[in-house]
């Protein structure tokens, strides 16, 4: 996949970014090489490769799920800007 100058300028316009022609041309070249590399990676056969969550070969340590401190609700709700017994009351931010 190649990225041309027209596509770069269109993306820059949508992103509200001003680009000089010289910088846009370099960006088009760089993005084209990145997409070519991605296409090469897509050609690899990964059928028998297990997905990874990390490159480090470690296992997670299990621990008991236990409550360490009890009844913190009152202490936490003391920080609420309004008095309420059940939850935080905050000002409306989305209309």
N, C-alpha and C. Protein backbone atom coordinates (compact mmCIF):
# COMPACT_ATOMS: atom_id res chain seq x y z
N UNK A 1 0.86 -1.17 0.00
CA UNK A 1 0.00 0.00 0.00
C UNK A 1 0.90 1.23 0.00
N UNK A 2 0.63 2.13 -0.89
CA UNK A 2 1.40 3.37 -0.93
C UNK A 2 0.51 4.54 -0.54
N UNK A 3 1.09 5.45 0.16
CA UNK A 3 0.40 6.65 0.60
C UNK A 3 0.91 7.80 -0.27
N UNK A 4 0.01 8.45 -0.97
CA UNK A 4 0.43 9.55 -1.83
C UNK A 4 0.26 10.90 -1.12
N UNK A 5 0.76 11.93 -1.76
CA UNK A 5 0.75 13.27 -1.19
C UNK A 5 -0.68 13.77 -0.97
N UNK A 6 -1.58 13.40 -1.87
CA UNK A 6 -2.99 13.82 -1.74
C UNK A 6 -3.61 13.24 -0.46
N UNK A 7 -3.31 11.98 -0.17
CA UNK A 7 -3.85 11.34 1.03
C UNK A 7 -3.29 11.99 2.29
N UNK A 8 -1.99 12.30 2.28
CA UNK A 8 -1.36 12.95 3.43
C UNK A 8 -2.00 14.31 3.69
N UNK A 9 -2.21 15.07 2.62
CA UNK A 9 -2.82 16.40 2.78
C UNK A 9 -4.26 16.28 3.28
N UNK A 10 -4.97 15.26 2.83
CA UNK A 10 -6.34 15.05 3.29
C UNK A 10 -6.37 14.70 4.78
N UNK A 11 -5.47 13.82 5.21
CA UNK A 11 -5.39 13.45 6.62
C UNK A 11 -4.99 14.66 7.47
N UNK A 12 -4.05 15.45 6.96
CA UNK A 12 -3.62 16.66 7.68
C UNK A 12 -4.78 17.64 7.83
N UNK A 13 -5.59 17.77 6.78
CA UNK A 13 -6.74 18.67 6.84
C UNK A 13 -7.76 18.18 7.87
N UNK A 14 -8.02 16.87 7.87
CA UNK A 14 -8.96 16.31 8.83
C UNK A 14 -8.45 16.46 10.26
N UNK A 15 -7.12 16.40 10.42
CA UNK A 15 -6.50 16.51 11.74
C UNK A 15 -6.25 17.95 12.15
N UNK A 16 -6.57 18.87 11.25
CA UNK A 16 -6.33 20.30 11.49
C UNK A 16 -4.85 20.58 11.76
N UNK A 17 -4.00 19.95 10.94
CA UNK A 17 -2.55 20.13 11.03
C UNK A 17 -2.08 20.78 9.73
N UNK A 18 -1.29 21.83 9.86
CA UNK A 18 -0.73 22.43 8.65
C UNK A 18 0.63 21.79 8.36
N UNK A 19 0.80 21.34 7.12
CA UNK A 19 2.03 20.69 6.70
C UNK A 19 2.58 21.38 5.47
N UNK A 20 3.88 21.60 5.48
CA UNK A 20 4.53 22.12 4.28
C UNK A 20 4.67 20.96 3.30
N UNK A 21 4.80 21.28 2.00
CA UNK A 21 4.87 20.25 0.97
C UNK A 21 6.07 19.32 1.18
N UNK A 22 7.19 19.88 1.59
CA UNK A 22 8.40 19.07 1.80
C UNK A 22 8.19 18.07 2.94
N UNK A 23 7.61 18.53 4.02
CA UNK A 23 7.35 17.66 5.18
C UNK A 23 6.29 16.61 4.84
N UNK A 24 5.28 17.02 4.07
CA UNK A 24 4.22 16.09 3.68
C UNK A 24 4.78 15.00 2.78
N UNK A 25 5.68 15.33 1.90
CA UNK A 25 6.28 14.34 1.00
C UNK A 25 7.11 13.33 1.80
N UNK A 26 7.88 13.81 2.77
CA UNK A 26 8.67 12.90 3.62
C UNK A 26 7.75 12.00 4.43
N UNK A 27 6.67 12.56 4.94
CA UNK A 27 5.71 11.78 5.71
C UNK A 27 5.07 10.70 4.83
N UNK A 28 4.75 11.04 3.59
CA UNK A 28 4.16 10.07 2.67
C UNK A 28 5.14 8.93 2.41
N UNK A 29 6.41 9.25 2.24
CA UNK A 29 7.43 8.23 2.02
C UNK A 29 7.57 7.33 3.24
N UNK A 30 7.63 7.94 4.41
CA UNK A 30 7.78 7.17 5.65
C UNK A 30 6.58 6.26 5.89
N UNK A 31 5.38 6.79 5.72
CA UNK A 31 4.18 5.97 5.94
C UNK A 31 4.07 4.84 4.93
N UNK A 32 4.47 5.10 3.71
CA UNK A 32 4.44 4.05 2.69
C UNK A 32 5.38 2.91 3.08
N UNK A 33 6.57 3.24 3.57
CA UNK A 33 7.49 2.17 3.97
C UNK A 33 6.98 1.41 5.18
N UNK A 34 6.31 2.10 6.09
CA UNK A 34 5.72 1.42 7.26
C UNK A 34 4.63 0.45 6.81
N UNK A 35 3.76 0.89 5.90
CA UNK A 35 2.69 0.01 5.43
C UNK A 35 3.23 -1.16 4.62
N UNK A 36 4.31 -0.96 3.88
CA UNK A 36 4.93 -2.07 3.15
C UNK A 36 5.46 -3.11 4.13
N UNK A 37 6.07 -2.66 5.23
CA UNK A 37 6.56 -3.59 6.24
C UNK A 37 5.41 -4.36 6.87
N UNK A 38 4.30 -3.68 7.15
CA UNK A 38 3.13 -4.34 7.73
C UNK A 38 2.59 -5.39 6.78
N UNK A 39 2.58 -5.10 5.48
CA UNK A 39 2.12 -6.08 4.50
C UNK A 39 3.02 -7.31 4.48
N UNK A 40 4.34 -7.11 4.65
CA UNK A 40 5.25 -8.25 4.73
C UNK A 40 4.95 -9.09 5.96
N UNK A 41 4.66 -8.44 7.08
CA UNK A 41 4.33 -9.18 8.30
C UNK A 41 3.04 -9.97 8.13
N UNK A 42 2.09 -9.44 7.39
CA UNK A 42 0.82 -10.14 7.18
C UNK A 42 1.00 -11.40 6.35
N UNK A 43 2.09 -11.51 5.60
CA UNK A 43 2.34 -12.69 4.78
C UNK A 43 2.90 -13.85 5.59
N UNK A 44 3.37 -13.58 6.81
CA UNK A 44 3.95 -14.63 7.64
C UNK A 44 2.90 -15.64 8.07
N UNK A 45 3.30 -16.90 8.13
CA UNK A 45 2.42 -17.96 8.59
C UNK A 45 2.52 -18.03 10.12
N UNK A 46 1.49 -17.62 10.80
CA UNK A 46 1.48 -17.63 12.27
C UNK A 46 0.45 -18.62 12.81
N UNK A 47 0.11 -19.61 12.00
CA UNK A 47 -0.94 -20.55 12.38
C UNK A 47 -0.60 -21.31 13.66
N UNK A 48 0.64 -21.76 13.80
CA UNK A 48 1.02 -22.57 14.96
C UNK A 48 1.71 -21.76 16.06
N UNK A 49 1.60 -20.44 16.01
CA UNK A 49 2.24 -19.58 17.01
C UNK A 49 1.19 -19.16 18.04
N UNK A 50 1.49 -19.44 19.28
CA UNK A 50 0.55 -19.09 20.35
C UNK A 50 0.61 -17.59 20.63
N UNK A 51 -0.52 -16.96 20.89
CA UNK A 51 -0.51 -15.52 21.22
C UNK A 51 0.19 -15.27 22.55
N UNK A 52 0.84 -14.11 22.65
CA UNK A 52 1.58 -13.76 23.85
C UNK A 52 0.90 -12.60 24.58
N UNK A 53 1.03 -12.60 25.87
CA UNK A 53 0.62 -11.42 26.64
C UNK A 53 1.84 -10.60 27.03
N UNK A 54 3.02 -11.24 26.98
CA UNK A 54 4.27 -10.57 27.31
C UNK A 54 5.41 -11.34 26.66
N UNK A 55 6.50 -10.65 26.35
CA UNK A 55 7.65 -11.35 25.78
C UNK A 55 8.46 -12.06 26.85
N UNK A 56 8.27 -11.68 28.11
CA UNK A 56 8.96 -12.35 29.21
C UNK A 56 8.20 -13.62 29.57
N UNK A 57 8.94 -14.71 29.69
CA UNK A 57 8.29 -15.97 30.01
C UNK A 57 8.14 -16.12 31.52
N UNK A 58 7.12 -15.49 32.05
CA UNK A 58 6.85 -15.57 33.47
C UNK A 58 5.40 -15.99 33.67
N UNK A 59 5.11 -16.50 34.83
CA UNK A 59 3.73 -16.84 35.16
C UNK A 59 3.26 -15.92 36.28
N UNK A 60 1.99 -15.69 36.30
CA UNK A 60 1.43 -14.84 37.34
C UNK A 60 1.34 -15.60 38.66
N UNK A 61 1.66 -14.89 39.71
CA UNK A 61 1.56 -15.50 41.04
C UNK A 61 0.14 -15.33 41.54
N UNK A 62 -0.42 -16.43 42.02
CA UNK A 62 -1.77 -16.37 42.56
C UNK A 62 -1.73 -15.99 44.03
N UNK A 63 -2.74 -15.26 44.46
CA UNK A 63 -2.86 -14.91 45.85
C UNK A 63 -4.32 -15.04 46.26
N UNK A 64 -4.53 -15.18 47.53
CA UNK A 64 -5.90 -15.31 48.03
C UNK A 64 -6.61 -13.97 47.89
N UNK A 65 -7.87 -14.04 47.55
CA UNK A 65 -8.70 -12.84 47.45
C UNK A 65 -9.33 -12.60 48.81
N UNK A 66 -8.69 -11.74 49.59
CA UNK A 66 -9.19 -11.51 50.94
C UNK A 66 -9.28 -10.01 51.21
N UNK A 67 -10.21 -9.65 52.06
CA UNK A 67 -10.41 -8.26 52.44
C UNK A 67 -9.35 -7.88 53.46
N UNK A 68 -8.63 -6.80 53.17
CA UNK A 68 -7.55 -6.37 54.07
C UNK A 68 -8.04 -5.32 55.07
N UNK A 69 -8.98 -4.49 54.67
CA UNK A 69 -9.51 -3.48 55.58
C UNK A 69 -11.02 -3.43 55.40
N UNK A 70 -11.69 -3.27 56.50
CA UNK A 70 -13.15 -3.33 56.47
C UNK A 70 -13.76 -1.96 56.71
N UNK A 71 -14.92 -1.76 56.12
CA UNK A 71 -15.77 -0.61 56.39
C UNK A 71 -15.07 0.73 56.17
N UNK A 72 -14.51 0.93 55.02
CA UNK A 72 -13.87 2.21 54.68
C UNK A 72 -14.86 3.20 54.06
N UNK A 73 -16.07 2.76 53.89
CA UNK A 73 -17.06 3.58 53.20
C UNK A 73 -17.21 4.96 53.83
N UNK A 74 -17.34 5.02 55.13
CA UNK A 74 -17.53 6.31 55.80
C UNK A 74 -16.31 7.22 55.62
N UNK A 75 -15.13 6.65 55.73
CA UNK A 75 -13.91 7.43 55.56
C UNK A 75 -13.81 7.99 54.14
N UNK A 76 -14.16 7.17 53.17
CA UNK A 76 -14.09 7.60 51.78
C UNK A 76 -15.12 8.68 51.48
N UNK A 77 -16.35 8.49 51.97
CA UNK A 77 -17.42 9.45 51.68
C UNK A 77 -17.25 10.77 52.41
N UNK A 78 -16.34 10.86 53.37
CA UNK A 78 -16.05 12.14 54.00
C UNK A 78 -15.44 13.12 53.00
N UNK A 79 -14.83 12.61 51.95
CA UNK A 79 -14.21 13.46 50.92
C UNK A 79 -15.20 13.97 49.88
N UNK A 80 -16.44 13.54 49.97
CA UNK A 80 -17.44 13.96 49.00
C UNK A 80 -17.76 15.45 49.17
N UNK A 81 -17.89 16.20 48.08
CA UNK A 81 -18.18 17.63 48.19
C UNK A 81 -19.56 17.92 48.78
N UNK A 82 -20.51 17.00 48.61
CA UNK A 82 -21.83 17.16 49.19
C UNK A 82 -22.08 16.05 50.21
N UNK A 83 -22.94 16.33 51.17
CA UNK A 83 -23.27 15.31 52.16
C UNK A 83 -24.23 14.29 51.55
N UNK A 84 -23.79 13.06 51.55
CA UNK A 84 -24.63 11.98 51.07
C UNK A 84 -24.12 10.70 51.71
N UNK A 85 -25.03 9.81 52.07
CA UNK A 85 -24.63 8.60 52.77
C UNK A 85 -24.23 7.45 51.86
N UNK A 86 -24.62 7.52 50.59
CA UNK A 86 -24.44 6.36 49.73
C UNK A 86 -23.38 6.52 48.63
N UNK A 87 -23.20 7.74 48.12
CA UNK A 87 -22.30 7.92 46.98
C UNK A 87 -21.81 9.34 46.89
N UNK A 88 -20.82 9.58 46.04
CA UNK A 88 -20.30 10.92 45.81
C UNK A 88 -21.30 11.72 44.99
N UNK A 89 -21.48 12.97 45.32
CA UNK A 89 -22.31 13.87 44.53
C UNK A 89 -21.36 14.90 43.93
N UNK A 90 -21.33 14.94 42.61
CA UNK A 90 -20.44 15.88 41.92
C UNK A 90 -21.27 16.72 40.96
N UNK A 91 -20.76 17.89 40.59
CA UNK A 91 -21.50 18.73 39.65
C UNK A 91 -21.59 18.08 38.28
N UNK A 92 -22.65 18.40 37.57
CA UNK A 92 -22.87 17.87 36.23
C UNK A 92 -21.84 18.49 35.29
N UNK A 93 -21.19 17.64 34.46
CA UNK A 93 -20.17 18.15 33.55
C UNK A 93 -20.55 17.96 32.09
N UNK A 94 -21.49 17.09 31.78
CA UNK A 94 -21.91 16.86 30.41
C UNK A 94 -23.36 17.28 30.27
N UNK A 95 -23.65 18.06 29.24
CA UNK A 95 -25.02 18.52 29.03
C UNK A 95 -25.68 17.75 27.94
